Amino acid sequence: MFTGLIREVATVKNYQNNILTIESKHKAKIGDSIAINGVCLTVIKVHKSGFDLELADETRSIVDESKISGEVHLEPAMQLSDRFEGHIVQGHVDCVGAVVAMTKRENATDFIIQVEPKYISYIIPKGSITIDGISLTVNDVYEDSFRLTIIPHTLRETLMKNYKVGTKLNIETDLFARYIEHILRNRGKKSLSWSEIDSMQMSF
Protein backbone atom coordinates (compact mmCIF):
# COMPACT_ATOMS: atom_id res chain seq x y z
CA MET A 1 0.00 0.00 0.00
CA PHE A 2 1.10 3.56 -0.75
CA THR A 3 -0.03 7.06 0.24
CA GLY A 4 0.47 9.04 -2.97
CA LEU A 5 3.19 11.23 -1.45
CA ILE A 6 6.19 11.31 -3.79
CA ARG A 7 9.48 10.62 -1.98
CA GLU A 8 11.86 11.20 -4.89
CA VAL A 9 12.07 12.05 -8.57
CA ALA A 10 14.22 9.18 -9.88
CA THR A 11 15.57 8.44 -13.36
CA VAL A 12 14.98 5.50 -15.70
CA LYS A 13 18.38 4.33 -16.93
CA ASN A 14 17.17 1.45 -19.07
CA TYR A 15 14.07 -0.49 -20.05
CA GLN A 16 14.66 -3.76 -21.87
CA ASN A 17 13.10 -7.23 -21.87
CA ASN A 18 10.44 -6.04 -19.40
CA ILE A 19 13.12 -5.00 -16.88
CA LEU A 20 13.13 -1.39 -15.67
CA THR A 21 16.43 -0.07 -14.30
CA ILE A 22 16.06 2.90 -11.95
CA GLU A 23 18.76 5.27 -10.73
CA SER A 24 17.73 6.42 -7.27
CA LYS A 25 18.98 7.55 -3.84
CA HIS A 26 16.46 5.19 -2.21
CA LYS A 27 18.13 2.12 -0.69
CA ALA A 28 15.86 -0.69 -1.83
CA LYS A 29 15.97 -4.36 -0.96
CA ILE A 30 15.09 -7.31 -3.17
CA GLY A 31 11.39 -8.00 -2.88
CA ASP A 32 10.45 -4.43 -1.94
CA SER A 33 7.33 -2.90 -3.48
CA ILE A 34 7.99 0.49 -5.06
CA ALA A 35 5.59 2.69 -7.00
CA ILE A 36 7.03 4.21 -10.17
CA ASN A 37 4.70 6.89 -11.56
CA GLY A 38 1.94 5.22 -9.56
CA VAL A 39 2.64 1.65 -10.71
CA CYS A 40 3.42 -0.88 -7.98
CA LEU A 41 6.47 -2.92 -9.01
CA THR A 42 8.77 -5.40 -7.25
CA VAL A 43 12.52 -4.96 -6.85
CA ILE A 44 14.35 -7.94 -8.38
CA LYS A 45 17.94 -6.66 -8.27
CA VAL A 46 19.85 -3.99 -6.36
CA HIS A 47 22.95 -2.15 -7.59
CA LYS A 48 25.07 0.76 -6.36
CA SER A 49 23.08 3.52 -7.99
CA GLY A 50 19.59 2.03 -7.78
CA PHE A 51 17.66 -1.13 -8.57
CA ASP A 52 15.82 -3.19 -11.19
CA LEU A 53 12.08 -3.80 -11.36
CA GLU A 54 10.08 -6.22 -13.50
CA LEU A 55 6.91 -5.29 -15.38
CA ALA A 56 4.23 -7.96 -15.71
CA ASP A 57 2.17 -8.46 -18.89
CA GLU A 58 -0.91 -6.86 -17.26
CA THR A 59 1.06 -3.74 -16.35
CA ARG A 60 2.50 -3.38 -19.83
CA SER A 61 -0.99 -3.73 -21.35
CA ILE A 62 -2.21 -0.65 -19.44
CA VAL A 63 0.71 1.73 -18.92
CA ASP A 64 1.89 4.04 -21.69
CA GLU A 65 5.63 3.63 -22.34
CA SER A 66 6.17 7.37 -21.84
CA LYS A 67 5.55 6.68 -18.15
CA ILE A 68 8.59 4.37 -17.87
CA SER A 69 11.21 6.66 -19.36
CA GLY A 70 13.13 9.75 -18.29
CA GLU A 71 12.34 11.15 -14.85
CA VAL A 72 9.72 9.34 -12.77
CA HIS A 73 7.95 9.73 -9.43
CA LEU A 74 9.08 7.20 -6.82
CA GLU A 75 7.35 6.11 -3.60
CA PRO A 76 8.37 3.10 -1.49
CA ALA A 77 5.54 1.07 0.04
CA MET A 78 4.18 2.45 3.30
CA GLN A 79 5.50 0.94 6.54
CA LEU A 80 3.35 0.42 9.64
CA SER A 81 5.45 2.98 11.53
CA ASP A 82 4.85 5.73 8.93
CA ARG A 83 2.46 8.63 9.37
CA PHE A 84 -0.59 8.15 7.18
CA GLU A 85 -0.87 11.12 4.85
CA GLY A 86 -2.25 11.41 1.32
CA HIS A 87 -4.82 8.62 0.80
CA ILE A 88 -4.95 4.85 0.33
CA VAL A 89 -3.18 4.03 -2.94
CA GLN A 90 -2.75 0.47 -4.21
CA GLY A 91 -0.40 1.16 -7.10
CA HIS A 92 -2.87 -0.45 -9.51
CA VAL A 93 -3.33 1.83 -12.52
CA ASP A 94 -6.91 1.79 -13.81
CA CYS A 95 -6.37 3.70 -17.03
CA VAL A 96 -4.22 6.20 -18.89
CA GLY A 97 -5.67 9.70 -19.14
CA ALA A 98 -4.40 12.84 -20.82
CA VAL A 99 -4.10 16.55 -20.07
CA VAL A 100 -6.56 18.40 -22.34
CA ALA A 101 -6.39 21.91 -20.83
CA MET A 102 -4.30 23.95 -18.40
CA THR A 103 -5.33 27.30 -16.92
CA LYS A 104 -3.07 29.48 -14.79
CA ARG A 105 -4.83 31.00 -11.79
CA GLU A 106 -3.63 33.58 -9.23
CA ASN A 107 -1.94 31.03 -6.96
CA ALA A 108 -2.56 27.68 -8.64
CA THR A 109 -2.95 25.95 -12.00
CA ASP A 110 -6.08 24.13 -13.16
CA PHE A 111 -5.60 20.89 -15.08
CA ILE A 112 -8.43 19.25 -17.03
CA ILE A 113 -7.75 15.52 -17.35
CA GLN A 114 -9.64 13.38 -19.85
CA VAL A 115 -10.36 9.67 -19.30
CA GLU A 116 -12.59 7.05 -20.87
CA PRO A 117 -16.19 7.79 -19.72
CA LYS A 118 -16.53 4.37 -18.05
CA TYR A 119 -14.05 5.46 -15.36
CA ILE A 120 -15.90 8.66 -14.44
CA SER A 121 -18.17 6.88 -11.94
CA TYR A 122 -15.08 6.14 -9.82
CA ILE A 123 -13.96 9.79 -9.78
CA ILE A 124 -15.71 11.78 -7.05
CA PRO A 125 -15.91 15.59 -6.61
CA LYS A 126 -13.76 16.56 -3.60
CA GLY A 127 -12.56 12.96 -3.44
CA SER A 128 -9.03 11.61 -3.90
CA ILE A 129 -7.34 10.45 -7.08
CA THR A 130 -3.81 9.35 -7.95
CA ILE A 131 -2.09 10.92 -10.96
CA ASP A 132 1.32 9.42 -11.84
CA GLY A 133 1.54 8.33 -8.20
CA ILE A 134 0.58 11.73 -6.72
CA SER A 135 -2.33 11.90 -4.25
CA LEU A 136 -4.56 14.78 -5.39
CA THR A 137 -8.05 16.13 -4.72
CA VAL A 138 -10.65 16.27 -7.48
CA ASN A 139 -12.47 19.60 -7.79
CA ASP A 140 -15.05 19.00 -10.54
CA VAL A 141 -16.14 15.97 -12.55
CA TYR A 142 -17.54 16.13 -16.10
CA GLU A 143 -18.80 13.53 -18.61
CA ASP A 144 -15.36 12.33 -19.67
CA SER A 145 -12.94 14.50 -17.68
CA PHE A 146 -12.23 16.08 -14.31
CA ARG A 147 -10.54 19.20 -12.93
CA LEU A 148 -7.60 19.43 -10.55
CA THR A 149 -6.26 22.62 -8.98
CA ILE A 150 -2.54 22.30 -8.29
CA ILE A 151 -0.72 24.62 -5.88
CA PRO A 152 2.79 25.95 -6.67
CA HIS A 153 4.47 23.67 -4.09
CA THR A 154 3.14 20.53 -5.81
CA LEU A 155 4.24 21.83 -9.21
CA ARG A 156 7.75 22.56 -7.93
CA GLU A 157 8.23 19.23 -6.16
CA THR A 158 6.80 16.91 -8.83
CA LEU A 159 6.97 16.35 -12.56
CA MET A 160 3.65 18.16 -12.98
CA LYS A 161 5.71 21.26 -13.72
CA ASN A 162 6.60 19.60 -17.04
CA TYR A 163 3.07 18.56 -18.01
CA LYS A 164 1.49 20.09 -21.09
CA VAL A 165 -1.61 19.51 -23.19
CA GLY A 166 -1.38 15.96 -24.50
CA THR A 167 0.75 14.56 -21.65
CA LYS A 168 -0.31 10.98 -20.82
CA LEU A 169 -1.00 10.16 -17.16
CA ASN A 170 -1.28 7.00 -15.07
CA ILE A 171 -4.58 7.19 -13.18
CA GLU A 172 -5.71 5.21 -10.16
CA THR A 173 -9.29 6.02 -9.18
CA ASP A 174 -10.83 5.97 -5.71
CA LEU A 175 -10.47 2.59 -3.98
CA PHE A 176 -13.75 2.84 -2.05
CA ALA A 177 -15.73 3.92 -5.12
CA ARG A 178 -14.50 0.85 -7.02
CA TYR A 179 -15.28 -1.51 -4.15
CA ILE A 180 -18.78 -0.16 -3.54
CA GLU A 181 -19.62 -0.16 -7.26
CA HIS A 182 -18.49 -3.80 -7.50
CA ILE A 183 -20.59 -4.81 -4.49
CA LEU A 184 -23.68 -3.03 -5.80
CA ARG A 185 -23.30 -4.51 -9.28
CA ASN A 186 -23.04 -8.02 -7.91
CA ARG A 187 -25.95 -7.58 -5.52
CA GLY A 188 -28.29 -6.53 -8.30
CA LYS A 189 -30.39 -3.43 -7.74
CA LYS A 190 -30.89 -3.94 -4.03
CA SER A 191 -30.06 -0.67 -2.27
CA LEU A 192 -27.69 -0.49 0.68
CA SER A 193 -28.55 1.05 4.03
CA TRP A 194 -26.28 3.73 5.52
CA SER A 195 -25.26 1.26 8.24
CA GLU A 196 -24.11 -1.21 5.55
CA ILE A 197 -22.10 1.50 3.77
CA ASP A 198 -20.52 2.57 7.08
CA SER A 199 -19.65 -1.04 7.78
CA MET A 200 -17.88 -1.36 4.39
CA GLN A 201 -15.81 1.77 5.00
CA MET A 202 -14.87 0.74 8.54
CA SER A 203 -13.56 -2.57 7.25
CA PHE A 204 -10.64 -0.84 5.46
C-alpha atoms as a PDB file:
ATOM      1  CA  MET A   1       0.000   0.000   0.000  1.00  0.00           C
ATOM      2  CA  PHE A   2       1.100   3.564  -0.754  1.00  0.00           C
ATOM      3  CA  THR A   3      -0.026   7.055   0.239  1.00  0.00           C
ATOM      4  CA  GLY A   4       0.474   9.041  -2.972  1.00  0.00           C
ATOM      5  CA  LEU A   5       3.192  11.229  -1.455  1.00  0.00           C
ATOM      6  CA  ILE A   6       6.192  11.308  -3.788  1.00  0.00           C
ATOM      7  CA  ARG A   7       9.483  10.620  -1.984  1.00  0.00           C
ATOM      8  CA  GLU A   8      11.862  11.197  -4.887  1.00  0.00           C
ATOM      9  CA  VAL A   9      12.075  12.045  -8.568  1.00  0.00           C
ATOM     10  CA  ALA A  10      14.219   9.180  -9.880  1.00  0.00           C
ATOM     11  CA  THR A  11      15.573   8.439 -13.358  1.00  0.00           C
ATOM     12  CA  VAL A  12      14.983   5.500 -15.699  1.00  0.00           C
ATOM     13  CA  LYS A  13      18.376   4.331 -16.927  1.00  0.00           C
ATOM     14  CA  ASN A  14      17.167   1.446 -19.073  1.00  0.00           C
ATOM     15  CA  TYR A  15      14.071  -0.494 -20.051  1.00  0.00           C
ATOM     16  CA  GLN A  16      14.657  -3.757 -21.874  1.00  0.00           C
ATOM     17  CA  ASN A  17      13.102  -7.227 -21.874  1.00  0.00           C
ATOM     18  CA  ASN A  18      10.442  -6.043 -19.396  1.00  0.00           C
ATOM     19  CA  ILE A  19      13.121  -4.996 -16.876  1.00  0.00           C
ATOM     20  CA  LEU A  20      13.134  -1.393 -15.672  1.00  0.00           C
ATOM     21  CA  THR A  21      16.434  -0.067 -14.300  1.00  0.00           C
ATOM     22  CA  ILE A  22      16.060   2.897 -11.953  1.00  0.00           C
ATOM     23  CA  GLU A  23      18.762   5.275 -10.728  1.00  0.00           C
ATOM     24  CA  SER A  24      17.728   6.419  -7.268  1.00  0.00           C
ATOM     25  CA  LYS A  25      18.978   7.550  -3.845  1.00  0.00           C
ATOM     26  CA  HIS A  26      16.465   5.187  -2.209  1.00  0.00           C
ATOM     27  CA  LYS A  27      18.132   2.116  -0.695  1.00  0.00           C
ATOM     28  CA  ALA A  28      15.862  -0.687  -1.834  1.00  0.00           C
ATOM     29  CA  LYS A  29      15.970  -4.357  -0.959  1.00  0.00           C
ATOM     30  CA  ILE A  30      15.093  -7.313  -3.168  1.00  0.00           C
ATOM     31  CA  GLY A  31      11.385  -8.002  -2.883  1.00  0.00           C
ATOM     32  CA  ASP A  32      10.454  -4.428  -1.935  1.00  0.00           C
ATOM     33  CA  SER A  33       7.330  -2.899  -3.477  1.00  0.00           C
ATOM     34  CA  ILE A  34       7.988   0.485  -5.060  1.00  0.00           C
ATOM     35  CA  ALA A  35       5.587   2.687  -7.005  1.00  0.00           C
ATOM     36  CA  ILE A  36       7.026   4.213 -10.174  1.00  0.00           C
ATOM     37  CA  ASN A  37       4.699   6.892 -11.560  1.00  0.00           C
ATOM     38  CA  GLY A  38       1.937   5.221  -9.560  1.00  0.00           C
ATOM     39  CA  VAL A  39       2.636   1.650 -10.711  1.00  0.00           C
ATOM     40  CA  CYS A  40       3.418  -0.877  -7.975  1.00  0.00           C
ATOM     41  CA  LEU A  41       6.466  -2.923  -9.011  1.00  0.00           C
ATOM     42  CA  THR A  42       8.768  -5.396  -7.247  1.00  0.00           C
ATOM     43  CA  VAL A  43      12.521  -4.963  -6.847  1.00  0.00           C
ATOM     44  CA  ILE A  44      14.349  -7.938  -8.378  1.00  0.00           C
ATOM     45  CA  LYS A  45      17.940  -6.659  -8.271  1.00  0.00           C
ATOM     46  CA  VAL A  46      19.846  -3.991  -6.358  1.00  0.00           C
ATOM     47  CA  HIS A  47      22.948  -2.149  -7.591  1.00  0.00           C
ATOM     48  CA  LYS A  48      25.071   0.758  -6.362  1.00  0.00           C
ATOM     49  CA  SER A  49      23.077   3.517  -7.988  1.00  0.00           C
ATOM     50  CA  GLY A  50      19.593   2.032  -7.779  1.00  0.00           C
ATOM     51  CA  PHE A  51      17.662  -1.131  -8.568  1.00  0.00           C
ATOM     52  CA  ASP A  52      15.821  -3.188 -11.193  1.00  0.00           C
ATOM     53  CA  LEU A  53      12.078  -3.800 -11.360  1.00  0.00           C
ATOM     54  CA  GLU A  54      10.077  -6.220 -13.501  1.00  0.00           C
ATOM     55  CA  LEU A  55       6.907  -5.285 -15.383  1.00  0.00           C
ATOM     56  CA  ALA A  56       4.226  -7.959 -15.714  1.00  0.00           C
ATOM     57  CA  ASP A  57       2.167  -8.461 -18.885  1.00  0.00           C
ATOM     58  CA  GLU A  58      -0.908  -6.859 -17.259  1.00  0.00           C
ATOM     59  CA  THR A  59       1.064  -3.742 -16.349  1.00  0.00           C
ATOM     60  CA  ARG A  60       2.501  -3.383 -19.834  1.00  0.00           C
ATOM     61  CA  SER A  61      -0.986  -3.728 -21.349  1.00  0.00           C
ATOM     62  CA  ILE A  62      -2.213  -0.649 -19.440  1.00  0.00           C
ATOM     63  CA  VAL A  63       0.708   1.727 -18.919  1.00  0.00           C
ATOM     64  CA  ASP A  64       1.891   4.040 -21.687  1.00  0.00           C
ATOM     65  CA  GLU A  65       5.628   3.632 -22.342  1.00  0.00           C
ATOM     66  CA  SER A  66       6.170   7.368 -21.841  1.00  0.00           C
ATOM     67  CA  LYS A  67       5.552   6.685 -18.147  1.00  0.00           C
ATOM     68  CA  ILE A  68       8.587   4.375 -17.866  1.00  0.00           C
ATOM     69  CA  SER A  69      11.209   6.655 -19.356  1.00  0.00           C
ATOM     70  CA  GLY A  70      13.134   9.748 -18.292  1.00  0.00           C
ATOM     71  CA  GLU A  71      12.340  11.150 -14.852  1.00  0.00           C
ATOM     72  CA  VAL A  72       9.716   9.335 -12.775  1.00  0.00           C
ATOM     73  CA  HIS A  73       7.949   9.727  -9.433  1.00  0.00           C
ATOM     74  CA  LEU A  74       9.078   7.202  -6.818  1.00  0.00           C
ATOM     75  CA  GLU A  75       7.353   6.111  -3.603  1.00  0.00           C
ATOM     76  CA  PRO A  76       8.368   3.100  -1.485  1.00  0.00           C
ATOM     77  CA  ALA A  77       5.537   1.073   0.036  1.00  0.00           C
ATOM     78  CA  MET A  78       4.185   2.454   3.296  1.00  0.00           C
ATOM     79  CA  GLN A  79       5.500   0.942   6.538  1.00  0.00           C
ATOM     80  CA  LEU A  80       3.353   0.417   9.644  1.00  0.00           C
ATOM     81  CA  SER A  81       5.447   2.983  11.529  1.00  0.00           C
ATOM     82  CA  ASP A  82       4.853   5.728   8.928  1.00  0.00           C
ATOM     83  CA  ARG A  83       2.461   8.629   9.375  1.00  0.00           C
ATOM     84  CA  PHE A  84      -0.589   8.151   7.179  1.00  0.00           C
ATOM     85  CA  GLU A  85      -0.868  11.124   4.848  1.00  0.00           C
ATOM     86  CA  GLY A  86      -2.249  11.408   1.325  1.00  0.00           C
ATOM     87  CA  HIS A  87      -4.820   8.621   0.804  1.00  0.00           C
ATOM     88  CA  ILE A  88      -4.954   4.854   0.328  1.00  0.00           C
ATOM     89  CA  VAL A  89      -3.184   4.029  -2.939  1.00  0.00           C
ATOM     90  CA  GLN A  90      -2.750   0.471  -4.211  1.00  0.00           C
ATOM     91  CA  GLY A  91      -0.398   1.158  -7.097  1.00  0.00           C
ATOM     92  CA  HIS A  92      -2.868  -0.455  -9.514  1.00  0.00           C
ATOM     93  CA  VAL A  93      -3.332   1.826 -12.518  1.00  0.00           C
ATOM     94  CA  ASP A  94      -6.914   1.787 -13.812  1.00  0.00           C
ATOM     95  CA  CYS A  95      -6.372   3.699 -17.025  1.00  0.00           C
ATOM     96  CA  VAL A  96      -4.224   6.201 -18.888  1.00  0.00           C
ATOM     97  CA  GLY A  97      -5.668   9.696 -19.136  1.00  0.00           C
ATOM     98  CA  ALA A  98      -4.399  12.843 -20.821  1.00  0.00           C
ATOM     99  CA  VAL A  99      -4.105  16.547 -20.073  1.00  0.00           C
ATOM    100  CA  VAL A 100      -6.558  18.395 -22.343  1.00  0.00           C
ATOM    101  CA  ALA A 101      -6.391  21.905 -20.829  1.00  0.00           C
ATOM    102  CA  MET A 102      -4.305  23.950 -18.399  1.00  0.00           C
ATOM    103  CA  THR A 103      -5.331  27.302 -16.919  1.00  0.00           C
ATOM    104  CA  LYS A 104      -3.066  29.479 -14.786  1.00  0.00           C
ATOM    105  CA  ARG A 105      -4.832  31.004 -11.791  1.00  0.00           C
ATOM    106  CA  GLU A 106      -3.629  33.577  -9.234  1.00  0.00           C
ATOM    107  CA  ASN A 107      -1.941  31.030  -6.960  1.00  0.00           C
ATOM    108  CA  ALA A 108      -2.562  27.677  -8.645  1.00  0.00           C
ATOM    109  CA  THR A 109      -2.954  25.947 -12.000  1.00  0.00           C
ATOM    110  CA  ASP A 110      -6.083  24.127 -13.156  1.00  0.00           C
ATOM    111  CA  PHE A 111      -5.605  20.890 -15.080  1.00  0.00           C
ATOM    112  CA  ILE A 112      -8.429  19.249 -17.026  1.00  0.00           C
ATOM    113  CA  ILE A 113      -7.746  15.519 -17.350  1.00  0.00           C
ATOM    114  CA  GLN A 114      -9.643  13.378 -19.851  1.00  0.00           C
ATOM    115  CA  VAL A 115     -10.362   9.671 -19.298  1.00  0.00           C
ATOM    116  CA  GLU A 116     -12.590   7.048 -20.870  1.00  0.00           C
ATOM    117  CA  PRO A 117     -16.189   7.792 -19.720  1.00  0.00           C
ATOM    118  CA  LYS A 118     -16.527   4.366 -18.049  1.00  0.00           C
ATOM    119  CA  TYR A 119     -14.049   5.463 -15.359  1.00  0.00           C
ATOM    120  CA  ILE A 120     -15.896   8.665 -14.440  1.00  0.00           C
ATOM    121  CA  SER A 121     -18.174   6.885 -11.937  1.00  0.00           C
ATOM    122  CA  TYR A 122     -15.077   6.145  -9.822  1.00  0.00           C
ATOM    123  CA  ILE A 123     -13.964   9.794  -9.775  1.00  0.00           C
ATOM    124  CA  ILE A 124     -15.707  11.784  -7.047  1.00  0.00           C
ATOM    125  CA  PRO A 125     -15.913  15.586  -6.613  1.00  0.00           C
ATOM    126  CA  LYS A 126     -13.765  16.561  -3.595  1.00  0.00           C
ATOM    127  CA  GLY A 127     -12.556  12.960  -3.437  1.00  0.00           C
ATOM    128  CA  SER A 128      -9.034  11.608  -3.901  1.00  0.00           C
ATOM    129  CA  ILE A 129      -7.338  10.454  -7.078  1.00  0.00           C
ATOM    130  CA  THR A 130      -3.808   9.347  -7.950  1.00  0.00           C
ATOM    131  CA  ILE A 131      -2.094  10.919 -10.964  1.00  0.00           C
ATOM    132  CA  ASP A 132       1.316   9.422 -11.841  1.00  0.00           C
ATOM    133  CA  GLY A 133       1.541   8.329  -8.205  1.00  0.00           C
ATOM    134  CA  ILE A 134       0.582  11.730  -6.717  1.00  0.00           C
ATOM    135  CA  SER A 135      -2.327  11.902  -4.251  1.00  0.00           C
ATOM    136  CA  LEU A 136      -4.558  14.775  -5.386  1.00  0.00           C
ATOM    137  CA  THR A 137      -8.046  16.133  -4.718  1.00  0.00           C
ATOM    138  CA  VAL A 138     -10.653  16.269  -7.481  1.00  0.00           C
ATOM    139  CA  ASN A 139     -12.473  19.602  -7.792  1.00  0.00           C
ATOM    140  CA  ASP A 140     -15.051  18.999 -10.535  1.00  0.00           C
ATOM    141  CA  VAL A 141     -16.138  15.974 -12.553  1.00  0.00           C
ATOM    142  CA  TYR A 142     -17.543  16.127 -16.099  1.00  0.00           C
ATOM    143  CA  GLU A 143     -18.800  13.533 -18.611  1.00  0.00           C
ATOM    144  CA  ASP A 144     -15.355  12.330 -19.671  1.00  0.00           C
ATOM    145  CA  SER A 145     -12.939  14.504 -17.683  1.00  0.00           C
ATOM    146  CA  PHE A 146     -12.228  16.080 -14.314  1.00  0.00           C
ATOM    147  CA  ARG A 147     -10.537  19.197 -12.927  1.00  0.00           C
ATOM    148  CA  LEU A 148      -7.598  19.428 -10.551  1.00  0.00           C
ATOM    149  CA  THR A 149      -6.265  22.619  -8.978  1.00  0.00           C
ATOM    150  CA  ILE A 150      -2.543  22.300  -8.287  1.00  0.00           C
ATOM    151  CA  ILE A 151      -0.721  24.619  -5.881  1.00  0.00           C
ATOM    152  CA  PRO A 152       2.787  25.945  -6.666  1.00  0.00           C
ATOM    153  CA  HIS A 153       4.467  23.667  -4.087  1.00  0.00           C
ATOM    154  CA  THR A 154       3.141  20.532  -5.811  1.00  0.00           C
ATOM    155  CA  LEU A 155       4.243  21.834  -9.206  1.00  0.00           C
ATOM    156  CA  ARG A 156       7.754  22.561  -7.927  1.00  0.00           C
ATOM    157  CA  GLU A 157       8.227  19.230  -6.160  1.00  0.00           C
ATOM    158  CA  THR A 158       6.796  16.907  -8.828  1.00  0.00           C
ATOM    159  CA  LEU A 159       6.967  16.348 -12.559  1.00  0.00           C
ATOM    160  CA  MET A 160       3.648  18.159 -12.982  1.00  0.00           C
ATOM    161  CA  LYS A 161       5.713  21.257 -13.716  1.00  0.00           C
ATOM    162  CA  ASN A 162       6.600  19.596 -17.039  1.00  0.00           C
ATOM    163  CA  TYR A 163       3.071  18.556 -18.006  1.00  0.00           C
ATOM    164  CA  LYS A 164       1.494  20.093 -21.089  1.00  0.00           C
ATOM    165  CA  VAL A 165      -1.612  19.507 -23.185  1.00  0.00           C
ATOM    166  CA  GLY A 166      -1.378  15.958 -24.502  1.00  0.00           C
ATOM    167  CA  THR A 167       0.747  14.559 -21.651  1.00  0.00           C
ATOM    168  CA  LYS A 168      -0.308  10.976 -20.818  1.00  0.00           C
ATOM    169  CA  LEU A 169      -0.998  10.162 -17.163  1.00  0.00           C
ATOM    170  CA  ASN A 170      -1.284   6.995 -15.069  1.00  0.00           C
ATOM    171  CA  ILE A 171      -4.582   7.193 -13.178  1.00  0.00           C
ATOM    172  CA  GLU A 172      -5.710   5.209 -10.158  1.00  0.00           C
ATOM    173  CA  THR A 173      -9.288   6.022  -9.177  1.00  0.00           C
ATOM    174  CA  ASP A 174     -10.833   5.971  -5.711  1.00  0.00           C
ATOM    175  CA  LEU A 175     -10.473   2.591  -3.979  1.00  0.00           C
ATOM    176  CA  PHE A 176     -13.749   2.836  -2.051  1.00  0.00           C
ATOM    177  CA  ALA A 177     -15.734   3.916  -5.124  1.00  0.00           C
ATOM    178  CA  ARG A 178     -14.496   0.847  -7.017  1.00  0.00           C
ATOM    179  CA  TYR A 179     -15.281  -1.507  -4.146  1.00  0.00           C
ATOM    180  CA  ILE A 180     -18.783  -0.155  -3.536  1.00  0.00           C
ATOM    181  CA  GLU A 181     -19.624  -0.163  -7.262  1.00  0.00           C
ATOM    182  CA  HIS A 182     -18.491  -3.799  -7.503  1.00  0.00           C
ATOM    183  CA  ILE A 183     -20.587  -4.809  -4.493  1.00  0.00           C
ATOM    184  CA  LEU A 184     -23.679  -3.032  -5.800  1.00  0.00           C
ATOM    185  CA  ARG A 185     -23.295  -4.507  -9.279  1.00  0.00           C
ATOM    186  CA  ASN A 186     -23.037  -8.017  -7.912  1.00  0.00           C
ATOM    187  CA  ARG A 187     -25.950  -7.577  -5.521  1.00  0.00           C
ATOM    188  CA  GLY A 188     -28.289  -6.532  -8.298  1.00  0.00           C
ATOM    189  CA  LYS A 189     -30.394  -3.430  -7.735  1.00  0.00           C
ATOM    190  CA  LYS A 190     -30.892  -3.937  -4.029  1.00  0.00           C
ATOM    191  CA  SER A 191     -30.061  -0.665  -2.271  1.00  0.00           C
ATOM    192  CA  LEU A 192     -27.686  -0.485   0.685  1.00  0.00           C
ATOM    193  CA  SER A 193     -28.549   1.047   4.029  1.00  0.00           C
ATOM    194  CA  TRP A 194     -26.280   3.726   5.524  1.00  0.00           C
ATOM    195  CA  SER A 195     -25.257   1.256   8.237  1.00  0.00           C
ATOM    196  CA  GLU A 196     -24.106  -1.209   5.551  1.00  0.00           C
ATOM    197  CA  ILE A 197     -22.101   1.497   3.767  1.00  0.00           C
ATOM    198  CA  ASP A 198     -20.519   2.573   7.079  1.00  0.00           C
ATOM    199  CA  SER A 199     -19.647  -1.041   7.781  1.00  0.00           C
ATOM    200  CA  MET A 200     -17.883  -1.363   4.393  1.00  0.00           C
ATOM    201  CA  GLN A 201     -15.813   1.767   5.000  1.00  0.00           C
ATOM    202  CA  MET A 202     -14.872   0.741   8.539  1.00  0.00           C
ATOM    203  CA  SER A 203     -13.556  -2.573   7.248  1.00  0.00           C
ATOM    204  CA  PHE A 204     -10.645  -0.839   5.458  1.00  0.00           C
END
